[in-house]
Amino acid sequence: MSSIRFSSVKSLFFVGNRDGLAFRLFSYFAVILLLILILQNIAEVALIRAMLHVPEKIQQEMLELAYQAEVMIEDGDMDELADWEKAQNYYLFVLNNEKKTISGREMHPHFEFKLQFIRRLDTTFENRVNQPIIAIPLRTGHTLVIQFPRQHHPARYFPYYFSLIQVFIAILILSVFSLLLARYLQRPLNKLQDASNRLADGDFSVRVSNEVGDKVTEFAHLADSFDHMTTRIHGLAQKQKQLIRDVSHELKTPLARHSLALHLLRKRIPVDSQHLLDRLEKESDEMNDLVTEILEYSQLENAKYSVSLLPVQLETVCQHIVLDMQDKVQPGQVLTFEGDNGGEMVQADNRLLLRVVKNLLGNAVKYAGAEAEISVSLGHRNGWTQLVIEDDGCGIPQQQLQQIFDPFTRLEMARDKQSGGYGLGLAIVKESMSLMNGHVSAENRPEGGLRINLLFRPA
C-alpha cells in the first residue's frame, strides 16, 4: 500500500519520469532560481565593498580635524580643546590610551558604550544606516574618535541600488534562460509544424519520430502519434482514391452497354417516342462525361499522369485556343486575346495546358452572362509569366472564392444540373497547374466580374 502511495506521489510531482517535460521544466526553473540567488548575493557583497565606506569628502574633513586636534594638544590648552570639540559639526572626542577624554568634556554613555566597536577610517559599513565611531590615530599618541553622522551614511541609498541590481539580474537570467528554453522547446515544435505543412501538401512519406527524438517523453509520444496519424490518413486517402477509380472504371462498362442499348432501341420505337430516347441519351452522355472527369481528376491527383514539361510558346497556344473557342461563344458575348508579343517560352505540358485554358474559357462562356466580354491576356508578375482570363459578369461571392478549386464544389447561383457543371473543372485546373509547377488564383474584379490568374515558370 505504501509503495502504491509513493508511486502516486512520484507521478504527481513528476519525479518518476525524468525525461518528462514537467521534470525538465522544474529542473530548469530550479537552476534559474539558484543562479539568481547566487548572483544577487555576489552582487550584494560587491556593492557593499564598492559603496559602503566613508565618502572621500568626509575622510578629508576628518583628517583635517585630526590635524587641528594635534595642533591644540601640542599647545597644551585643554580648555581650548574642549571648546574646539564642542564647536565641530561632528560629535567627537580626543582620547588617551585608557579611552578617557583629555579635554575633560563629559561623554554620552551611549557613545562611551560604542567605543568598544571603534572602526578605522578605511572601514566598510553594514548595509543599514547607523552611527559608527571612527578612530583616527594622532601623532601625539592620542586618538581622535568621531561619530559618523547618520545623514552622510552611504547605506541610505543602498536598498535602492541593490533593488535595481536584483531586478536587473533577475531579468537578465530569466531572459537568457527563456531564450534557451524557447529554442530547446521550439526545435521539435518547428519540426512538427514543418511536417504538418508537408502532410497538408500531400507528402504522406513524412515521419518525425527520428527527427524529434526521445529526449522529452511528451514530444516523443506526440511524434509517434503524428506518425500514426500520417499512416492512417495515407491509408484512408488511398482507399478513397482507389474506391473512386474502381467505381468510375466499373461505371464505364454499363454506361457503354446503356448507350448501345439506346442506339438499338431507337430503331424499334415509334417516332413520337424518340424524344424520350433523346432525353435518356443526354443523361447517359452527362454520366459518361462525369465519370471521365472523375477518372482524369483522380489520375491528376495521384500524379500518375506522365507530365512532360517542355518549353511552350504560351502566346501561340492561347491564340489557337481563343480561335477554336469562337464558335462556342454565345451570340452576345465577345472573346478577345491580348498578347505581349514577346514570344517568351514557359514550362508546360501541352495536353494539360490545353485542358486548363479550355476549362477556364468554357466556364467563362457558361457563367459570365449572355452579353459578357471575355478577355485573355499575357503579362509578367514577380518573375513569372502570367496568363489572365477575366470577364465582366457577376463574379463570385467573396466567401466562396477560396472554395471554387475544391473538387465537387458548385455555386448555387450558377453551377446546377441544367448548366452541366460537376464541380471538377476548376479542381482539374488546380491539379494541372500544380503538376506544371505553376499557380492558379481567383479574384473578383473591382469593376465587376471574375479574374483567374495563371502563373507559369519561364523556360
Protein backbone atom coordinates (compact mmCIF):
# COMPACT_ATOMS: atom_id res chain seq x y z
CA MET A 1 0.00 0.00 0.00
CA SER A 2 2.83 2.38 0.88
CA SER A 3 4.60 1.62 -2.39
CA ILE A 4 1.45 2.47 -4.29
CA ARG A 5 1.15 5.78 -2.45
CA PHE A 6 4.82 6.54 -3.07
CA SER A 7 4.48 5.87 -6.81
CA SER A 8 1.37 8.04 -6.96
CA VAL A 9 3.22 10.84 -5.20
CA LYS A 10 6.13 10.46 -7.63
CA SER A 11 3.77 10.66 -10.58
CA LEU A 12 2.02 13.63 -9.01
CA PHE A 13 5.27 15.58 -8.69
CA PHE A 14 6.73 14.19 -11.97
CA VAL A 15 9.69 12.63 -10.17
CA GLY A 16 9.24 9.21 -11.68
CA ASN A 17 9.75 10.35 -15.28
CA ARG A 18 12.99 12.28 -15.51
CA ASP A 19 12.64 12.55 -19.29
CA GLY A 20 9.24 14.17 -18.92
CA LEU A 21 8.68 17.79 -19.80
CA ALA A 22 7.40 18.70 -16.31
CA PHE A 23 10.50 17.34 -14.57
CA ARG A 24 12.79 19.12 -17.03
CA LEU A 25 10.96 22.42 -16.60
CA PHE A 26 11.13 22.03 -12.82
CA SER A 27 14.87 21.38 -13.06
CA TYR A 28 15.44 24.38 -15.32
CA PHE A 29 13.45 26.71 -13.07
CA ALA A 30 15.29 25.40 -10.01
CA VAL A 31 18.63 26.16 -11.70
CA ILE A 32 17.36 29.62 -12.69
CA LEU A 33 16.26 30.39 -9.13
CA LEU A 34 19.57 29.15 -7.70
CA LEU A 35 21.56 31.25 -10.17
CA ILE A 36 19.51 34.34 -9.40
CA LEU A 37 20.07 33.92 -5.66
CA ILE A 38 23.81 33.28 -6.05
CA LEU A 39 24.33 36.25 -8.38
CA GLN A 40 22.30 38.52 -6.14
CA ASN A 41 24.42 37.55 -3.13
CA ILE A 42 27.60 38.15 -5.10
CA ALA A 43 26.23 41.50 -6.27
CA GLU A 44 25.34 42.45 -2.70
CA VAL A 45 28.90 41.74 -1.48
CA ALA A 46 30.39 43.65 -4.40
CA LEU A 47 28.05 46.60 -3.86
CA ILE A 48 28.90 46.72 -0.16
CA ARG A 49 32.61 46.81 -0.92
CA ALA A 50 32.19 49.46 -3.59
CA MET A 51 29.67 51.68 -1.85
CA LEU A 52 29.62 51.27 1.94
CA HIS A 53 32.71 53.16 3.01
CA VAL A 54 33.46 56.65 4.31
CA PRO A 55 32.97 59.11 1.45
CA GLU A 56 36.14 60.80 0.23
CA LYS A 57 34.92 64.24 1.17
CA ILE A 58 34.12 63.14 4.75
CA GLN A 59 37.54 61.46 5.02
CA GLN A 60 39.27 64.71 4.11
CA GLU A 61 37.24 66.63 6.70
CA MET A 62 38.06 64.07 9.41
CA LEU A 63 41.77 64.16 8.60
CA GLU A 64 41.67 67.95 8.80
CA LEU A 65 40.02 67.69 12.24
CA ALA A 66 42.75 65.27 13.31
CA TYR A 67 45.41 67.76 12.29
CA GLN A 68 43.69 70.57 14.20
CA ALA A 69 43.44 68.35 17.28
CA GLU A 70 47.16 67.57 17.10
CA VAL A 71 47.98 71.30 17.00
CA MET A 72 45.82 72.03 20.04
CA ILE A 73 47.24 69.12 22.03
CA GLU A 74 50.75 70.33 21.31
CA ASP A 75 49.72 73.81 22.60
CA GLY A 76 48.59 72.15 25.86
CA ASP A 77 45.40 74.20 26.42
CA MET A 78 42.75 71.57 27.27
CA ASP A 79 40.00 74.15 27.80
CA GLU A 80 40.53 75.41 24.29
CA LEU A 81 40.49 71.78 23.09
CA ALA A 82 37.17 71.24 24.83
CA ASP A 83 35.69 74.34 23.23
CA TRP A 84 37.00 73.19 19.87
CA GLU A 85 35.35 69.77 20.29
CA LYS A 86 32.01 71.38 21.10
CA ALA A 87 32.19 73.73 18.11
CA GLN A 88 32.53 70.97 15.47
CA ASN A 89 29.69 69.63 13.37
CA TYR A 90 30.69 66.12 14.39
CA TYR A 91 30.31 64.61 17.86
CA LEU A 92 33.96 63.88 18.66
CA PHE A 93 36.50 63.49 21.47
CA VAL A 94 40.25 63.16 21.85
CA LEU A 95 41.05 60.08 23.94
CA ASN A 96 44.15 58.81 25.67
CA ASN A 97 45.33 55.21 25.79
CA GLU A 98 42.77 54.38 28.54
CA LYS A 99 39.97 55.71 26.26
CA LYS A 100 39.38 58.69 28.52
CA THR A 101 38.81 62.22 27.30
CA ILE A 102 41.79 64.51 27.74
CA SER A 103 39.75 67.71 27.46
CA GLY A 104 37.55 66.94 30.45
CA ARG A 105 34.29 67.00 28.48
CA GLU A 106 31.54 64.70 29.65
CA MET A 107 30.90 61.80 27.22
CA HIS A 108 27.41 60.44 26.49
CA PRO A 109 27.00 56.90 27.91
CA HIS A 110 25.84 55.50 24.60
CA PHE A 111 28.91 56.96 22.88
CA GLU A 112 31.09 55.51 25.63
CA PHE A 113 29.48 52.10 25.07
CA LYS A 114 30.18 52.25 21.33
CA LEU A 115 33.86 52.81 21.96
CA GLN A 116 34.10 49.03 22.16
CA PHE A 117 33.35 48.93 18.41
CA ILE A 118 35.70 51.61 17.14
CA ARG A 119 36.42 51.48 13.43
CA ARG A 120 39.22 52.74 11.27
CA LEU A 121 38.83 55.43 8.67
CA ASP A 122 39.01 52.87 5.84
CA THR A 123 36.31 50.66 7.36
CA THR A 124 33.43 49.06 5.43
CA PHE A 125 29.95 49.79 6.79
CA GLU A 126 26.98 47.47 7.08
CA ASN A 127 24.06 47.76 4.69
CA ARG A 128 21.95 49.55 7.30
CA VAL A 129 22.16 53.14 8.48
CA ASN A 130 23.86 53.63 11.88
CA GLN A 131 26.33 55.96 13.59
CA PRO A 132 29.64 54.09 13.92
CA ILE A 133 32.65 55.55 15.78
CA ILE A 134 35.61 56.33 13.52
CA ALA A 135 39.04 56.42 15.17
CA ILE A 136 41.99 58.38 13.74
CA PRO A 137 45.40 57.95 15.47
CA LEU A 138 47.23 61.21 16.23
CA ARG A 139 50.99 61.89 16.22
CA THR A 140 50.77 62.76 19.86
CA GLY A 141 49.81 59.20 20.77
CA HIS A 142 46.17 60.09 21.33
CA THR A 143 43.15 59.06 19.28
CA LEU A 144 40.51 61.26 17.71
CA VAL A 145 37.13 59.46 17.79
CA ILE A 146 34.33 60.83 15.63
CA GLN A 147 30.73 59.67 15.49
CA PHE A 148 29.87 59.24 11.81
CA PRO A 149 26.77 61.35 11.03
CA ARG A 150 23.62 59.50 10.02
CA GLN A 151 22.78 61.93 7.23
CA HIS A 152 26.03 61.13 5.39
CA HIS A 153 25.82 57.35 5.76
CA PRO A 154 26.12 55.69 2.29
CA ALA A 155 23.70 52.91 3.30
CA ARG A 156 20.83 55.36 2.87
CA TYR A 157 20.79 54.64 -0.88
CA PHE A 158 21.97 51.05 -0.66
CA PRO A 159 18.45 49.45 -0.72
CA TYR A 160 17.52 51.33 -3.88
CA TYR A 161 20.70 50.39 -5.73
CA PHE A 162 20.54 46.80 -4.55
CA SER A 163 16.87 46.50 -5.56
CA LEU A 164 17.70 47.75 -9.05
CA ILE A 165 20.56 45.25 -9.28
CA GLN A 166 18.29 42.44 -8.10
CA VAL A 167 15.70 43.29 -10.74
CA PHE A 168 18.38 43.57 -13.43
CA ILE A 169 19.93 40.21 -12.51
CA ALA A 170 16.52 38.51 -12.43
CA ILE A 171 15.53 39.93 -15.81
CA LEU A 172 18.90 39.04 -17.33
CA ILE A 173 18.88 35.44 -16.08
CA LEU A 174 15.22 34.92 -17.00
CA SER A 175 15.78 36.38 -20.46
CA VAL A 176 18.79 34.19 -21.20
CA PHE A 177 17.19 31.02 -19.89
CA SER A 178 13.84 31.83 -21.53
CA LEU A 179 15.61 32.21 -24.87
CA LEU A 180 17.49 28.94 -24.40
CA LEU A 181 14.39 27.14 -23.16
CA ALA A 182 12.28 28.52 -26.00
CA ARG A 183 14.83 27.34 -28.55
CA TYR A 184 15.02 23.95 -26.86
CA LEU A 185 11.23 23.54 -26.91
CA GLN A 186 10.70 25.27 -30.26
CA ARG A 187 13.01 22.94 -32.19
CA PRO A 188 10.73 19.85 -32.03
CA LEU A 189 7.65 22.03 -32.46
CA ASN A 190 9.14 23.54 -35.62
CA LYS A 191 9.81 20.05 -36.93
CA LEU A 192 6.22 19.05 -36.21
CA GLN A 193 4.95 22.21 -37.89
CA ASP A 194 7.11 21.58 -40.96
CA ALA A 195 5.90 18.00 -41.08
CA SER A 196 2.29 19.20 -40.79
CA ASN A 197 2.77 21.55 -43.73
CA ARG A 198 4.33 18.77 -45.81
CA LEU A 199 1.46 16.48 -44.86
CA ALA A 200 -1.04 19.18 -45.86
CA ASP A 201 0.71 19.38 -49.25
CA GLY A 202 0.13 15.66 -49.75
CA ASP A 203 3.51 14.27 -48.69
CA PHE A 204 2.45 11.14 -46.79
CA SER A 205 6.03 9.88 -46.50
CA VAL A 206 6.84 12.42 -43.79
CA ARG A 207 7.90 10.96 -40.43
CA VAL A 208 9.02 12.92 -37.39
CA SER A 209 9.85 10.33 -34.73
CA ASN A 210 13.50 10.14 -35.72
CA GLU A 211 13.80 13.91 -36.11
CA VAL A 212 12.20 14.79 -32.77
CA GLY A 213 13.96 12.00 -30.87
CA ASP A 214 13.09 10.67 -27.43
CA LYS A 215 14.84 13.20 -25.18
CA VAL A 216 11.47 14.53 -23.97
CA THR A 217 8.80 11.93 -23.34
CA GLU A 218 5.84 14.14 -24.27
CA PHE A 219 7.41 15.19 -27.58
CA ALA A 220 8.34 11.60 -28.37
CA HIS A 221 4.74 10.47 -27.76
CA LEU A 222 3.43 13.38 -29.82
CA ALA A 223 5.79 12.47 -32.68
CA ASP A 224 4.67 8.83 -32.54
CA SER A 225 1.03 9.91 -32.59
CA PHE A 226 1.74 12.20 -35.53
CA ASP A 227 3.40 9.39 -37.49
CA HIS A 228 0.50 7.07 -36.68
CA MET A 229 -1.95 9.75 -37.83
CA THR A 230 0.02 10.21 -41.06
CA THR A 231 -0.10 6.48 -41.74
CA ARG A 232 -3.84 6.34 -41.06
CA ILE A 233 -4.59 9.38 -43.24
CA HIS A 234 -2.46 7.98 -46.03
CA GLY A 235 -4.31 4.68 -45.84
CA LEU A 236 -7.72 6.34 -45.83
CA ALA A 237 -6.77 8.62 -48.73
CA GLN A 238 -5.51 5.65 -50.72
CA LYS A 239 -8.71 3.72 -50.05
CA GLN A 240 -10.82 6.71 -51.06
CA LYS A 241 -8.89 7.26 -54.29
CA GLN A 242 -8.95 3.55 -55.05
CA LEU A 243 -12.70 3.48 -54.47
CA ILE A 244 -13.24 6.42 -56.82
CA ARG A 245 -11.09 4.82 -59.50
CA ASP A 246 -12.75 1.41 -59.15
CA VAL A 247 -16.27 2.81 -59.14
CA SER A 248 -15.52 5.03 -62.14
CA HIS A 249 -13.99 2.16 -64.11
CA GLU A 250 -16.88 -0.12 -63.21
CA LEU A 251 -19.37 2.51 -64.37
CA LYS A 252 -17.74 2.77 -67.79
CA THR A 253 -18.88 -0.71 -68.90
CA PRO A 254 -22.60 -0.42 -68.01
CA LEU A 255 -22.67 3.07 -69.49
CA ALA A 256 -21.26 1.74 -72.76
CA ARG A 257 -23.86 -1.03 -72.74
CA HIS A 258 -26.55 1.50 -71.94
CA SER A 259 -25.54 3.66 -74.92
CA LEU A 260 -25.53 0.62 -77.22
CA ALA A 261 -28.97 -0.47 -76.00
CA LEU A 262 -30.35 3.01 -76.60
CA HIS A 263 -28.90 3.01 -80.12
CA LEU A 264 -30.59 -0.35 -80.91
CA LEU A 265 -33.81 0.68 -79.24
CA ARG A 266 -34.07 3.83 -81.35
CA LYS A 267 -34.79 1.73 -84.44
CA ARG A 268 -37.68 -0.11 -82.79
CA ILE A 269 -39.79 2.59 -81.14
CA PRO A 270 -42.21 4.95 -82.90
CA VAL A 271 -41.14 8.40 -83.96
CA ASP A 272 -43.43 10.08 -81.44
CA SER A 273 -41.44 8.43 -78.61
CA GLN A 274 -38.00 9.39 -79.91
CA HIS A 275 -37.82 12.40 -77.58
CA LEU A 276 -37.72 10.02 -74.64
CA LEU A 277 -34.65 8.35 -76.12
CA ASP A 278 -33.07 11.74 -76.70
CA ARG A 279 -33.50 12.55 -73.03
CA LEU A 280 -32.05 9.19 -71.99
CA GLU A 281 -29.07 9.66 -74.29
CA LYS A 282 -28.45 13.13 -72.86
CA GLU A 283 -28.49 11.76 -69.32
CA SER A 284 -26.18 8.93 -70.38
CA ASP A 285 -23.75 11.36 -72.01
CA GLU A 286 -23.72 13.53 -68.88
CA MET A 287 -22.99 10.49 -66.73
CA ASN A 288 -20.24 9.40 -69.10
CA ASP A 289 -18.68 12.90 -69.02
CA LEU A 290 -18.82 12.93 -65.22
CA VAL A 291 -17.10 9.54 -64.97
CA THR A 292 -14.46 10.72 -67.45
CA GLU A 293 -13.74 13.85 -65.41
CA ILE A 294 -13.59 11.86 -62.17
CA LEU A 295 -11.06 9.48 -63.71
CA GLU A 296 -8.98 12.34 -65.05
CA TYR A 297 -9.05 14.21 -61.76
CA SER A 298 -8.11 11.07 -59.87
CA GLN A 299 -5.25 10.49 -62.30
CA LEU A 300 -4.00 14.05 -61.86
CA GLU A 301 -4.40 14.00 -58.09
CA ASN A 302 -2.37 10.82 -57.81
CA ALA A 303 0.28 12.33 -60.10
CA LYS A 304 0.10 9.26 -62.34
CA TYR A 305 -0.17 11.44 -65.38
CA SER A 306 3.18 11.38 -67.09
CA VAL A 307 3.90 15.09 -67.12
CA SER A 308 6.20 16.20 -69.89
CA LEU A 309 7.33 19.75 -69.15
CA LEU A 310 8.71 21.32 -72.29
CA PRO A 311 9.31 24.89 -73.43
CA VAL A 312 5.99 26.12 -74.82
CA GLN A 313 5.25 29.44 -76.51
CA LEU A 314 2.23 30.41 -74.41
CA GLU A 315 1.13 33.25 -76.69
CA THR A 316 0.78 30.97 -79.73
CA VAL A 317 -1.13 28.31 -77.79
CA CYS A 318 -3.56 30.87 -76.38
CA GLN A 319 -4.19 32.38 -79.81
CA HIS A 320 -5.17 28.98 -81.22
CA ILE A 321 -7.41 28.16 -78.26
CA VAL A 322 -9.21 31.51 -78.48
CA LEU A 323 -9.80 30.96 -82.22
CA ASP A 324 -11.17 27.46 -81.56
CA MET A 325 -13.49 28.77 -78.84
CA GLN A 326 -15.04 31.45 -81.06
CA ASP A 327 -17.70 29.07 -82.38
CA LYS A 328 -18.75 28.20 -78.79
CA VAL A 329 -19.19 31.80 -77.72
CA GLN A 330 -22.81 32.88 -77.29
CA PRO A 331 -24.18 35.40 -79.82
CA GLY A 332 -23.99 38.36 -77.44
CA GLN A 333 -20.58 37.52 -76.00
CA VAL A 334 -17.15 38.81 -77.05
CA LEU A 335 -13.95 36.80 -76.65
CA THR A 336 -10.65 38.64 -77.19
CA PHE A 337 -6.94 37.91 -76.79
CA GLU A 338 -4.15 40.34 -75.98
CA GLY A 339 -0.57 39.06 -76.08
CA ASP A 340 2.65 40.72 -75.07
CA ASN A 341 4.28 39.91 -78.46
CA GLY A 342 7.33 38.71 -76.60
CA GLY A 343 7.21 35.15 -77.79
CA GLU A 344 8.59 34.01 -74.45
CA MET A 345 8.64 30.33 -73.58
CA VAL A 346 7.22 28.77 -70.42
CA GLN A 347 7.50 25.34 -68.85
CA ALA A 348 4.27 23.47 -69.53
CA ASP A 349 2.71 20.21 -70.63
CA ASN A 350 0.84 20.69 -73.91
CA ARG A 351 -2.10 18.48 -73.03
CA LEU A 352 -2.53 19.91 -69.53
CA LEU A 353 -2.13 23.47 -70.81
CA LEU A 354 -4.87 22.98 -73.40
CA ARG A 355 -7.17 21.45 -70.78
CA VAL A 356 -6.57 24.28 -68.32
CA VAL A 357 -7.24 27.13 -70.74
CA LYS A 358 -10.25 25.41 -72.34
CA ASN A 359 -11.79 24.66 -68.95
CA LEU A 360 -11.47 28.27 -67.85
CA LEU A 361 -12.78 29.70 -71.12
CA GLY A 362 -15.63 27.18 -71.10
CA ASN A 363 -16.61 28.28 -67.59
CA ALA A 364 -16.48 31.94 -68.61
CA VAL A 365 -18.71 31.28 -71.63
CA LYS A 366 -21.22 29.36 -69.49
CA TYR A 367 -21.45 31.56 -66.41
CA ALA A 368 -20.31 35.09 -67.31
CA GLY A 369 -23.61 36.07 -68.91
CA ALA A 370 -25.19 36.24 -72.35
CA GLU A 371 -23.56 39.60 -73.17
CA ALA A 372 -20.28 39.21 -71.33
CA GLU A 373 -16.90 40.38 -72.56
CA ILE A 374 -14.26 37.71 -72.01
CA SER A 375 -10.58 38.54 -72.40
CA VAL A 376 -7.36 36.54 -72.37
CA SER A 377 -4.12 38.45 -71.77
CA LEU A 378 -0.46 37.75 -71.10
CA GLY A 379 1.93 39.60 -68.82
CA HIS A 380 4.60 39.24 -66.14
CA ARG A 381 4.41 39.09 -62.36
CA ASN A 382 7.34 38.75 -59.95
CA GLY A 383 9.48 36.84 -62.45
CA TRP A 384 6.60 34.58 -63.57
CA THR A 385 4.71 34.60 -66.86
CA GLN A 386 1.08 35.43 -66.10
CA LEU A 387 -1.96 34.37 -68.10
CA VAL A 388 -5.14 36.22 -67.11
CA ILE A 389 -8.65 35.10 -68.08
CA GLU A 390 -11.34 37.53 -66.97
CA ASP A 391 -14.90 38.54 -67.68
CA ASP A 392 -17.30 41.31 -66.73
CA GLY A 393 -20.00 39.06 -65.37
CA CYS A 394 -21.44 38.96 -61.87
CA GLY A 395 -18.35 37.37 -60.30
CA ILE A 396 -18.34 35.00 -57.34
CA PRO A 397 -19.27 35.71 -53.69
CA GLN A 398 -16.12 36.64 -51.79
CA GLN A 399 -16.57 33.94 -49.15
CA GLN A 400 -16.64 31.26 -51.87
CA LEU A 401 -13.54 32.31 -53.79
CA GLN A 402 -11.26 30.00 -51.82
CA GLN A 403 -13.53 27.02 -52.41
CA ILE A 404 -14.01 27.07 -56.16
CA PHE A 405 -10.88 24.98 -56.80
CA ASP A 406 -12.04 22.20 -54.46
CA PRO A 407 -13.48 19.10 -56.16
CA PHE A 408 -17.29 18.86 -56.49
CA THR A 409 -17.74 22.48 -55.45
CA ARG A 410 -20.76 24.14 -57.04
CA LEU A 411 -22.03 27.66 -56.69
CA GLU A 412 -25.80 27.65 -56.20
CA MET A 413 -26.23 30.74 -58.36
CA ALA A 414 -24.54 29.27 -61.43
CA ARG A 415 -23.50 25.61 -61.18
CA ASP A 416 -26.56 23.46 -61.23
CA LYS A 417 -27.67 20.35 -63.01
CA GLN A 418 -29.05 22.19 -66.00
CA SER A 419 -25.85 24.12 -66.61
CA GLY A 420 -23.89 20.90 -66.81
CA GLY A 421 -21.33 21.66 -64.09
CA TYR A 422 -19.95 18.84 -61.98
CA GLY A 423 -17.61 20.86 -59.80
CA LEU A 424 -14.47 19.19 -61.18
CA GLY A 425 -13.36 21.59 -63.92
CA LEU A 426 -11.57 24.06 -61.66
CA ALA A 427 -10.23 21.25 -59.47
CA ILE A 428 -8.61 19.77 -62.58
CA VAL A 429 -7.21 23.23 -63.39
CA LYS A 430 -5.61 23.46 -59.93
CA GLU A 431 -4.10 19.97 -60.08
CA SER A 432 -2.83 20.55 -63.62
CA MET A 433 -1.14 23.82 -62.66
CA SER A 434 0.42 22.11 -59.63
CA LEU A 435 1.86 19.36 -61.84
CA MET A 436 3.32 22.03 -64.14
CA ASN A 437 4.90 23.78 -61.10
CA GLY A 438 2.61 26.76 -61.57
CA HIS A 439 -0.06 28.52 -59.54
CA VAL A 440 -3.69 29.48 -60.04
CA SER A 441 -5.77 32.01 -58.11
CA ALA A 442 -9.15 33.70 -58.48
CA GLU A 443 -10.34 37.16 -57.57
CA ASN A 444 -13.26 39.43 -58.23
CA ARG A 445 -12.54 42.47 -60.38
CA PRO A 446 -13.21 45.86 -58.75
CA GLU A 447 -15.36 46.85 -61.73
CA GLY A 448 -17.28 43.56 -61.62
CA GLY A 449 -16.62 40.08 -62.95
CA LEU A 450 -14.16 37.30 -62.25
CA ARG A 451 -10.43 37.18 -62.90
CA ILE A 452 -8.39 33.95 -62.99
CA ASN A 453 -4.61 34.32 -62.73
CA LEU A 454 -2.35 31.56 -64.01
CA LEU A 455 1.38 31.77 -63.25
CA PHE A 456 3.89 29.75 -65.31
CA ARG A 457 7.61 29.34 -64.80
CA PRO A 458 9.65 30.81 -67.64
CA ALA A 459 11.54 28.19 -69.62
